PDB file of N, CA and C in Angstrom:
ATOM      1  N   UNK A   1       3.894   6.630 -60.211  1.00  0.00           N
ATOM      2  CA  UNK A   1       3.782   7.807 -59.394  1.00  0.00           C
ATOM      3  C   UNK A   1       3.881   7.696 -57.999  1.00  0.00           C
ATOM      4  N   UNK A   2       3.240   6.618 -57.477  1.00  0.00           N
ATOM      5  CA  UNK A   2       3.121   6.365 -56.115  1.00  0.00           C
ATOM      6  C   UNK A   2       4.554   6.077 -55.393  1.00  0.00           C
ATOM      7  N   UNK A   3       5.441   5.536 -56.200  1.00  0.00           N
ATOM      8  CA  UNK A   3       6.811   5.424 -55.710  1.00  0.00           C
ATOM      9  C   UNK A   3       7.619   6.662 -55.653  1.00  0.00           C
ATOM     10  N   UNK A   4       7.371   7.651 -56.731  1.00  0.00           N
ATOM     11  CA  UNK A   4       7.920   8.957 -56.579  1.00  0.00           C
ATOM     12  C   UNK A   4       7.495   9.807 -55.344  1.00  0.00           C
ATOM     13  N   UNK A   5       5.975   9.730 -55.141  1.00  0.00           N
ATOM     14  CA  UNK A   5       5.465  10.421 -53.949  1.00  0.00           C
ATOM     15  C   UNK A   5       6.012   9.722 -52.791  1.00  0.00           C
ATOM     16  N   UNK A   6       5.960   8.583 -52.587  1.00  0.00           N
ATOM     17  CA  UNK A   6       6.584   7.838 -51.380  1.00  0.00           C
ATOM     18  C   UNK A   6       8.135   8.253 -51.114  1.00  0.00           C
ATOM     19  N   UNK A   7       8.844   8.373 -52.296  1.00  0.00           N
ATOM     20  CA  UNK A   7      10.279   8.724 -52.130  1.00  0.00           C
ATOM     21  C   UNK A   7      10.436  10.160 -51.727  1.00  0.00           C
ATOM     22  N   UNK A   8       9.491  11.029 -52.125  1.00  0.00           N
ATOM     23  CA  UNK A   8       9.480  12.485 -51.737  1.00  0.00           C
ATOM     24  C   UNK A   8       9.125  12.582 -50.200  1.00  0.00           C
ATOM     25  N   UNK A   9       8.130  11.861 -49.798  1.00  0.00           N
ATOM     26  CA  UNK A   9       7.853  11.717 -48.428  1.00  0.00           C
ATOM     27  C   UNK A   9       8.819  11.328 -47.497  1.00  0.00           C
ATOM     28  N   UNK A  10       9.481  10.173 -48.032  1.00  0.00           N
ATOM     29  CA  UNK A  10      10.519   9.520 -47.138  1.00  0.00           C
ATOM     30  C   UNK A  10      11.802  10.382 -47.083  1.00  0.00           C
ATOM     31  N   UNK A  11      12.107  10.863 -48.236  1.00  0.00           N
ATOM     32  CA  UNK A  11      13.335  11.802 -48.276  1.00  0.00           C
ATOM     33  C   UNK A  11      13.299  13.202 -47.543  1.00  0.00           C
ATOM     34  N   UNK A  12      12.031  13.613 -47.276  1.00  0.00           N
ATOM     35  CA  UNK A  12      11.654  14.787 -46.516  1.00  0.00           C
ATOM     36  C   UNK A  12      11.118  14.643 -45.115  1.00  0.00           C
ATOM     37  N   UNK A  13      11.150  13.322 -44.743  1.00  0.00           N
ATOM     38  CA  UNK A  13      10.727  12.859 -43.385  1.00  0.00           C
ATOM     39  C   UNK A  13       9.238  13.422 -43.094  1.00  0.00           C
ATOM     40  N   UNK A  14       8.441  13.389 -44.108  1.00  0.00           N
ATOM     41  CA  UNK A  14       7.074  13.843 -44.033  1.00  0.00           C
ATOM     42  C   UNK A  14       5.975  12.885 -43.624  1.00  0.00           C
ATOM     43  N   UNK A  15       6.452  11.659 -43.455  1.00  0.00           N
ATOM     44  CA  UNK A  15       5.550  10.513 -43.023  1.00  0.00           C
ATOM     45  C   UNK A  15       5.412  10.426 -41.482  1.00  0.00           C
ATOM     46  N   UNK A  16       4.106  10.578 -40.971  1.00  0.00           N
ATOM     47  CA  UNK A  16       4.088  10.434 -39.631  1.00  0.00           C
ATOM     48  C   UNK A  16       4.473   9.112 -38.995  1.00  0.00           C
ATOM     49  N   UNK A  17       5.124   9.039 -37.764  1.00  0.00           N
ATOM     50  CA  UNK A  17       5.531   7.876 -37.315  1.00  0.00           C
ATOM     51  C   UNK A  17       4.439   6.828 -37.164  1.00  0.00           C
ATOM     52  N   UNK A  18       3.284   7.353 -36.991  1.00  0.00           N
ATOM     53  CA  UNK A  18       2.073   6.307 -36.748  1.00  0.00           C
ATOM     54  C   UNK A  18       1.378   6.069 -38.087  1.00  0.00           C
ATOM     55  N   UNK A  19       1.892   6.630 -39.045  1.00  0.00           N
ATOM     56  CA  UNK A  19       1.195   6.333 -40.435  1.00  0.00           C
ATOM     57  C   UNK A  19       1.388   4.815 -40.876  1.00  0.00           C
ATOM     58  N   UNK A  20       0.296   4.225 -41.217  1.00  0.00           N
ATOM     59  CA  UNK A  20       0.461   2.687 -41.601  1.00  0.00           C
ATOM     60  C   UNK A  20       0.270   2.604 -43.025  1.00  0.00           C
ATOM     61  N   UNK A  21      -0.443   3.239 -43.579  1.00  0.00           N
ATOM     62  CA  UNK A  21      -0.727   2.986 -45.108  1.00  0.00           C
ATOM     63  C   UNK A  21       0.485   3.492 -45.889  1.00  0.00           C
ATOM     64  N   UNK A  22       0.824   2.795 -47.006  1.00  0.00           N
ATOM     65  CA  UNK A  22       1.777   3.175 -47.778  1.00  0.00           C
ATOM     66  C   UNK A  22       3.203   3.235 -47.220  1.00  0.00           C
ATOM     67  N   UNK A  23       3.420   2.479 -46.316  1.00  0.00           N
ATOM     68  CA  UNK A  23       4.772   2.259 -45.708  1.00  0.00           C
ATOM     69  C   UNK A  23       5.044   0.804 -45.658  1.00  0.00           C
ATOM     70  N   UNK A  24       6.401   0.588 -45.934  1.00  0.00           N
ATOM     71  CA  UNK A  24       6.846  -0.690 -45.838  1.00  0.00           C
ATOM     72  C   UNK A  24       6.766  -1.365 -44.488  1.00  0.00           C
ATOM     73  N   UNK A  25       6.287  -2.516 -44.436  1.00  0.00           N
ATOM     74  CA  UNK A  25       6.133  -3.221 -43.213  1.00  0.00           C
ATOM     75  C   UNK A  25       5.019  -2.722 -42.174  1.00  0.00           C
ATOM     76  N   UNK A  26       4.221  -1.948 -42.793  1.00  0.00           N
ATOM     77  CA  UNK A  26       3.095  -1.365 -42.187  1.00  0.00           C
ATOM     78  C   UNK A  26       1.755  -1.833 -42.798  1.00  0.00           C
ATOM     79  N   UNK A  27       0.596  -1.846 -42.201  1.00  0.00           N
ATOM     80  CA  UNK A  27      -0.468  -2.263 -42.913  1.00  0.00           C
ATOM     81  C   UNK A  27      -1.674  -1.936 -41.926  1.00  0.00           C
ATOM     82  N   UNK A  28      -2.936  -2.235 -42.472  1.00  0.00           N
ATOM     83  CA  UNK A  28      -4.021  -1.802 -41.757  1.00  0.00           C
ATOM     84  C   UNK A  28      -4.004  -2.803 -40.351  1.00  0.00           C
ATOM     85  N   UNK A  29      -3.523  -3.851 -40.393  1.00  0.00           N
ATOM     86  CA  UNK A  29      -3.480  -4.685 -39.313  1.00  0.00           C
ATOM     87  C   UNK A  29      -2.497  -4.029 -38.200  1.00  0.00           C
ATOM     88  N   UNK A  30      -1.505  -3.441 -38.620  1.00  0.00           N
ATOM     89  CA  UNK A  30      -0.437  -2.769 -37.850  1.00  0.00           C
ATOM     90  C   UNK A  30      -1.358  -1.602 -37.040  1.00  0.00           C
ATOM     91  N   UNK A  31      -2.106  -0.820 -37.886  1.00  0.00           N
ATOM     92  CA  UNK A  31      -2.883   0.331 -37.266  1.00  0.00           C
ATOM     93  C   UNK A  31      -4.062  -0.188 -36.295  1.00  0.00           C
ATOM     94  N   UNK A  32      -4.795  -1.148 -36.682  1.00  0.00           N
ATOM     95  CA  UNK A  32      -5.732  -1.732 -35.870  1.00  0.00           C
ATOM     96  C   UNK A  32      -5.218  -2.287 -34.592  1.00  0.00           C
ATOM     97  N   UNK A  33      -4.112  -2.862 -34.590  1.00  0.00           N
ATOM     98  CA  UNK A  33      -3.468  -3.475 -33.426  1.00  0.00           C
ATOM     99  C   UNK A  33      -3.070  -2.356 -32.443  1.00  0.00           C
ATOM    100  N   UNK A  34      -2.506  -1.324 -33.114  1.00  0.00           N
ATOM    101  CA  UNK A  34      -2.042  -0.068 -32.157  1.00  0.00           C
ATOM    102  C   UNK A  34      -3.281   0.610 -31.522  1.00  0.00           C
ATOM    103  N   UNK A  35      -4.395   0.782 -32.307  1.00  0.00           N
ATOM    104  CA  UNK A  35      -5.574   1.443 -31.778  1.00  0.00           C
ATOM    105  C   UNK A  35      -6.135   0.563 -30.651  1.00  0.00           C
ATOM    106  N   UNK A  36      -6.345  -0.756 -30.856  1.00  0.00           N
ATOM    107  CA  UNK A  36      -6.829  -1.649 -29.921  1.00  0.00           C
ATOM    108  C   UNK A  36      -5.948  -1.836 -28.631  1.00  0.00           C
ATOM    109  N   UNK A  37      -4.676  -1.703 -28.859  1.00  0.00           N
ATOM    110  CA  UNK A  37      -3.650  -1.678 -27.628  1.00  0.00           C
ATOM    111  C   UNK A  37      -3.990  -0.355 -26.849  1.00  0.00           C
ATOM    112  N   UNK A  38      -3.999   0.653 -27.490  1.00  0.00           N
ATOM    113  CA  UNK A  38      -4.251   1.962 -26.791  1.00  0.00           C
ATOM    114  C   UNK A  38      -5.699   2.127 -25.987  1.00  0.00           C
ATOM    115  N   UNK A  39      -6.668   1.391 -26.630  1.00  0.00           N
ATOM    116  CA  UNK A  39      -7.912   1.431 -26.053  1.00  0.00           C
ATOM    117  C   UNK A  39      -7.918   0.500 -24.834  1.00  0.00           C
ATOM    118  N   UNK A  40      -7.230  -0.652 -24.892  1.00  0.00           N
ATOM    119  CA  UNK A  40      -7.132  -1.477 -23.738  1.00  0.00           C
ATOM    120  C   UNK A  40      -6.369  -0.843 -22.599  1.00  0.00           C
ATOM    121  N   UNK A  41      -5.243  -0.176 -22.990  1.00  0.00           N
ATOM    122  CA  UNK A  41      -4.402   0.661 -21.972  1.00  0.00           C
ATOM    123  C   UNK A  41      -5.360   1.750 -21.179  1.00  0.00           C
ATOM    124  N   UNK A  42      -6.123   2.380 -22.026  1.00  0.00           N
ATOM    125  CA  UNK A  42      -7.065   3.415 -21.453  1.00  0.00           C
ATOM    126  C   UNK A  42      -8.033   2.818 -20.524  1.00  0.00           C
ATOM    127  N   UNK A  43      -8.622   1.609 -20.909  1.00  0.00           N
ATOM    128  CA  UNK A  43      -9.524   0.955 -20.075  1.00  0.00           C
ATOM    129  C   UNK A  43      -9.008   0.375 -18.754  1.00  0.00           C
ATOM    130  N   UNK A  44      -7.607   0.022 -18.884  1.00  0.00           N
ATOM    131  CA  UNK A  44      -6.832  -0.478 -17.626  1.00  0.00           C
ATOM    132  C   UNK A  44      -6.691   0.677 -16.724  1.00  0.00           C
ATOM    133  N   UNK A  45      -6.528   1.888 -17.318  1.00  0.00           N
ATOM    134  CA  UNK A  45      -6.295   3.106 -16.446  1.00  0.00           C
ATOM    135  C   UNK A  45      -7.458   3.746 -15.900  1.00  0.00           C
ATOM    136  N   UNK A  46      -8.678   3.019 -16.352  1.00  0.00           N
ATOM    137  CA  UNK A  46     -10.010   3.777 -15.961  1.00  0.00           C
ATOM    138  C   UNK A  46     -10.556   4.797 -16.692  1.00  0.00           C
ATOM    139  N   UNK A  47      -9.921   5.050 -17.820  1.00  0.00           N
ATOM    140  CA  UNK A  47     -10.260   6.213 -18.704  1.00  0.00           C
ATOM    141  C   UNK A  47     -11.407   5.780 -19.620  1.00  0.00           C
ATOM    142  N   UNK A  48     -12.086   6.758 -20.078  1.00  0.00           N
ATOM    143  CA  UNK A  48     -13.176   6.422 -20.969  1.00  0.00           C
ATOM    144  C   UNK A  48     -12.675   6.836 -22.413  1.00  0.00           C
ATOM    145  N   UNK A  49     -12.965   6.049 -23.455  1.00  0.00           N
ATOM    146  CA  UNK A  49     -12.424   6.308 -24.757  1.00  0.00           C
ATOM    147  C   UNK A  49     -13.629   6.308 -25.695  1.00  0.00           C
ATOM    148  N   UNK A  50     -13.391   7.071 -26.796  1.00  0.00           N
ATOM    149  CA  UNK A  50     -14.309   7.184 -27.860  1.00  0.00           C
ATOM    150  C   UNK A  50     -13.533   7.101 -29.223  1.00  0.00           C
ATOM    151  N   UNK A  51     -14.127   6.423 -30.291  1.00  0.00           N
ATOM    152  CA  UNK A  51     -13.407   6.189 -31.512  1.00  0.00           C
ATOM    153  C   UNK A  51     -14.394   6.558 -32.636  1.00  0.00           C
ATOM    154  N   UNK A  52     -13.782   7.556 -33.564  1.00  0.00           N
ATOM    155  CA  UNK A  52     -14.528   7.949 -34.653  1.00  0.00           C
ATOM    156  C   UNK A  52     -13.724   7.583 -35.800  1.00  0.00           C
ATOM    157  N   UNK A  53     -14.359   6.888 -36.879  1.00  0.00           N
ATOM    158  CA  UNK A  53     -13.564   6.397 -37.861  1.00  0.00           C
ATOM    159  C   UNK A  53     -14.233   7.106 -39.140  1.00  0.00           C
ATOM    160  N   UNK A  54     -13.389   7.505 -40.063  1.00  0.00           N
ATOM    161  CA  UNK A  54     -13.792   8.222 -41.395  1.00  0.00           C
ATOM    162  C   UNK A  54     -13.213   7.677 -42.484  1.00  0.00           C
ATOM    163  N   UNK A  55     -13.859   7.506 -43.510  1.00  0.00           N
ATOM    164  CA  UNK A  55     -13.332   6.955 -44.752  1.00  0.00           C
ATOM    165  C   UNK A  55     -13.200   8.062 -45.754  1.00  0.00           C
ATOM    166  N   UNK A  56     -12.106   8.593 -46.054  1.00  0.00           N
ATOM    167  CA  UNK A  56     -11.864   9.633 -46.913  1.00  0.00           C
ATOM    168  C   UNK A  56     -11.269   9.359 -48.275  1.00  0.00           C
ATOM    169  N   UNK A  57     -11.367   7.950 -48.588  1.00  0.00           N
ATOM    170  CA  UNK A  57     -10.678   7.566 -49.882  1.00  0.00           C
ATOM    171  C   UNK A  57     -11.307   8.217 -51.135  1.00  0.00           C
ATOM    172  N   UNK A  58     -12.556   8.346 -51.094  1.00  0.00           N
ATOM    173  CA  UNK A  58     -13.299   9.123 -52.266  1.00  0.00           C
ATOM    174  C   UNK A  58     -12.703  10.409 -52.444  1.00  0.00           C
ATOM    175  N   UNK A  59     -12.361  11.188 -51.281  1.00  0.00           N
ATOM    176  CA  UNK A  59     -11.889  12.576 -51.399  1.00  0.00           C
ATOM    177  C   UNK A  59     -10.528  12.638 -52.414  1.00  0.00           C
ATOM    178  N   UNK A  60      -9.834  11.598 -52.395  1.00  0.00           N
ATOM    179  CA  UNK A  60      -8.441  11.690 -53.141  1.00  0.00           C
ATOM    180  C   UNK A  60      -8.682  11.349 -54.661  1.00  0.00           C
ATOM    181  N   UNK A  61      -9.979  10.917 -55.032  1.00  0.00           N
ATOM    182  CA  UNK A  61     -10.390  10.726 -56.355  1.00  0.00           C
ATOM    183  C   UNK A  61     -10.335  12.083 -57.170  1.00  0.00           C
ATOM    184  N   UNK A  62     -10.610  13.189 -56.454  1.00  0.00           N
ATOM    185  CA  UNK A  62     -10.758  14.540 -56.980  1.00  0.00           C
ATOM    186  C   UNK A  62      -9.489  15.220 -57.181  1.00  0.00           C
ATOM    187  N   UNK A  63      -8.357  14.645 -56.665  1.00  0.00           N
ATOM    188  CA  UNK A  63      -6.994  15.231 -56.739  1.00  0.00           C
ATOM    189  C   UNK A  63      -6.516  15.361 -58.107  1.00  0.00           C
ATOM    190  N   UNK A  64      -6.115  16.513 -58.487  1.00  0.00           N
ATOM    191  CA  UNK A  64      -5.435  16.723 -59.941  1.00  0.00           C
ATOM    192  C   UNK A  64      -3.993  16.240 -59.567  1.00  0.00           C
ATOM    193  N   UNK A  65      -3.680  15.118 -60.200  1.00  0.00           N
ATOM    194  CA  UNK A  65      -2.376  14.598 -59.889  1.00  0.00           C
ATOM    195  C   UNK A  65      -1.150  15.466 -60.505  1.00  0.00           C
ATOM    196  N   UNK A  66      -1.355  15.982 -61.787  1.00  0.00           N
ATOM    197  CA  UNK A  66      -0.418  16.817 -62.288  1.00  0.00           C
ATOM    198  C   UNK A  66      -0.064  18.165 -61.587  1.00  0.00           C
ATOM    199  N   UNK A  67      -1.232  18.647 -60.973  1.00  0.00           N
ATOM    200  CA  UNK A  67      -1.027  19.913 -60.047  1.00  0.00           C
ATOM    201  C   UNK A  67      -0.386  19.496 -58.807  1.00  0.00           C
ATOM    202  N   UNK A  68      -0.671  18.324 -58.156  1.00  0.00           N
ATOM    203  CA  UNK A  68       0.015  17.829 -57.129  1.00  0.00           C
ATOM    204  C   UNK A  68       1.586  17.704 -57.311  1.00  0.00           C
ATOM    205  N   UNK A  69       1.863  17.093 -58.431  1.00  0.00           N
ATOM    206  CA  UNK A  69       3.243  16.826 -58.593  1.00  0.00           C
ATOM    207  C   UNK A  69       4.027  18.176 -58.917  1.00  0.00           C
ATOM    208  N   UNK A  70       3.358  19.074 -59.501  1.00  0.00           N
ATOM    209  CA  UNK A  70       3.967  20.330 -59.675  1.00  0.00           C
ATOM    210  C   UNK A  70       4.252  20.941 -58.296  1.00  0.00           C
ATOM    211  N   UNK A  71       3.223  21.027 -57.407  1.00  0.00           N
ATOM    212  CA  UNK A  71       3.479  21.630 -56.150  1.00  0.00           C
ATOM    213  C   UNK A  71       4.675  20.677 -55.396  1.00  0.00           C
ATOM    214  N   UNK A  72       4.667  19.563 -55.399  1.00  0.00           N
ATOM    215  CA  UNK A  72       5.632  18.867 -54.715  1.00  0.00           C
ATOM    216  C   UNK A  72       7.147  19.217 -55.191  1.00  0.00           C
ATOM    217  N   UNK A  73       7.260  19.640 -56.315  1.00  0.00           N
ATOM    218  CA  UNK A  73       8.555  20.014 -57.065  1.00  0.00           C
ATOM    219  C   UNK A  73       9.034  21.508 -56.449  1.00  0.00           C
ATOM    220  N   UNK A  74       8.011  22.199 -56.080  1.00  0.00           N
ATOM    221  CA  UNK A  74       8.459  23.538 -55.629  1.00  0.00           C
ATOM    222  C   UNK A  74       9.160  23.432 -54.281  1.00  0.00           C
TER     223      UNK A  74
END
């Protein structure tokens, strides 16, 4: 199912450029490196930064997969 969903997102250009999860050659390491780089750039420019991290993985445990696939077909 993940492959079908990934193909749908890829075929319809729905993945954000900065999306790291579920993308070939992207990982959490890629995402952390990008965030760290942006924080360093902001500090170099004298800007103040704040970072808020949320773990929403449990939210997807409640997704009705059959309903989601039906909606993706529409």
